[in-house]
């Protein structure tokens, strides 16, 4: 067991959307990449949005996978954050 030393997750914002997204409250109206619908990344993103006052109907989760597909989705503008 490694309390407080387990890796965490982070949210990443695309360069194109960096001026528009400073906090999770800015997720409103955005497409947010997750590895898969129902994944831990999806849960974290939903939690951050709702905790910031954004309803789940006000942002769109997009399953983009990980690795190259994730990076490609950010670069192409398919998602604004992940």
Protein backbone atom coordinates (compact mmCIF):
# COMPACT_ATOMS: atom_id res chain seq x y z
CA UNK A 1 0.00 0.00 0.00
CA UNK A 2 1.28 3.46 -0.91
CA UNK A 3 -0.88 6.09 0.74
CA UNK A 4 -0.36 9.57 -0.71
CA UNK A 5 2.09 8.20 -3.28
CA UNK A 6 -0.37 6.76 -5.77
CA UNK A 7 -0.46 8.46 -9.15
CA UNK A 8 -3.35 10.83 -9.73
CA UNK A 9 -5.18 12.16 -12.72
CA UNK A 10 -5.07 15.64 -14.17
CA UNK A 11 -7.15 17.66 -16.61
CA UNK A 12 -5.41 18.93 -19.73
CA UNK A 13 -6.56 21.91 -21.81
CA UNK A 14 -5.73 22.21 -25.51
CA UNK A 15 -3.61 25.16 -26.61
CA UNK A 16 -6.52 26.35 -28.76
CA UNK A 17 -8.87 26.51 -25.73
CA UNK A 18 -6.36 27.69 -23.10
CA UNK A 19 -7.72 31.24 -23.08
CA UNK A 20 -11.28 29.98 -22.58
CA UNK A 21 -10.73 27.37 -19.84
CA UNK A 22 -9.13 28.40 -16.57
CA UNK A 23 -11.21 26.36 -14.11
CA UNK A 24 -13.75 23.54 -14.23
CA UNK A 25 -16.57 26.10 -14.29
CA UNK A 26 -15.38 26.89 -17.82
CA UNK A 27 -16.27 23.33 -18.95
CA UNK A 28 -19.76 24.65 -19.76
CA UNK A 29 -20.42 24.20 -23.46
CA UNK A 30 -17.17 22.33 -24.06
CA UNK A 31 -16.35 18.88 -25.42
CA UNK A 32 -14.33 17.06 -22.80
CA UNK A 33 -12.23 14.05 -23.72
CA UNK A 34 -12.27 10.93 -21.57
CA UNK A 35 -10.62 7.56 -22.17
CA UNK A 36 -14.03 5.91 -22.31
CA UNK A 37 -17.58 6.64 -21.22
CA UNK A 38 -17.99 5.35 -17.67
CA UNK A 39 -14.22 5.32 -17.07
CA UNK A 40 -12.47 6.85 -14.08
CA UNK A 41 -11.49 9.79 -16.32
CA UNK A 42 -15.17 10.27 -17.17
CA UNK A 43 -16.10 10.14 -13.49
CA UNK A 44 -13.38 12.65 -12.54
CA UNK A 45 -14.33 15.05 -15.33
CA UNK A 46 -18.02 14.85 -14.41
CA UNK A 47 -17.20 15.37 -10.72
CA UNK A 48 -15.06 18.43 -11.43
CA UNK A 49 -17.72 19.95 -13.67
CA UNK A 50 -20.62 19.36 -11.26
CA UNK A 51 -18.55 20.50 -8.29
CA UNK A 52 -17.91 23.76 -10.18
CA UNK A 53 -21.61 24.26 -10.84
CA UNK A 54 -21.75 22.92 -14.41
CA UNK A 55 -24.63 20.52 -15.06
CA UNK A 56 -23.85 17.30 -16.90
CA UNK A 57 -26.14 18.45 -19.70
CA UNK A 58 -23.99 21.57 -20.19
CA UNK A 59 -20.83 19.77 -21.31
CA UNK A 60 -20.20 16.80 -23.57
CA UNK A 61 -17.96 13.84 -22.72
CA UNK A 62 -16.19 12.41 -25.77
CA UNK A 63 -14.52 9.00 -25.67
CA UNK A 64 -11.07 9.54 -27.20
CA UNK A 65 -9.05 6.70 -25.74
CA UNK A 66 -5.48 7.27 -24.61
CA UNK A 67 -2.12 7.83 -26.21
CA UNK A 68 -2.11 8.88 -29.86
CA UNK A 69 -5.90 9.11 -30.20
CA UNK A 70 -6.03 11.38 -27.14
CA UNK A 71 -3.30 13.67 -28.47
CA UNK A 72 -4.84 13.74 -31.93
CA UNK A 73 -8.25 14.74 -30.53
CA UNK A 74 -6.63 17.68 -28.69
CA UNK A 75 -4.59 18.78 -31.72
CA UNK A 76 -7.52 18.55 -34.13
CA UNK A 77 -9.85 20.47 -31.81
CA UNK A 78 -12.29 17.57 -31.40
CA UNK A 79 -12.10 18.22 -27.66
CA UNK A 80 -11.14 21.31 -25.68
CA UNK A 81 -10.00 19.58 -22.51
CA UNK A 82 -9.49 16.06 -21.22
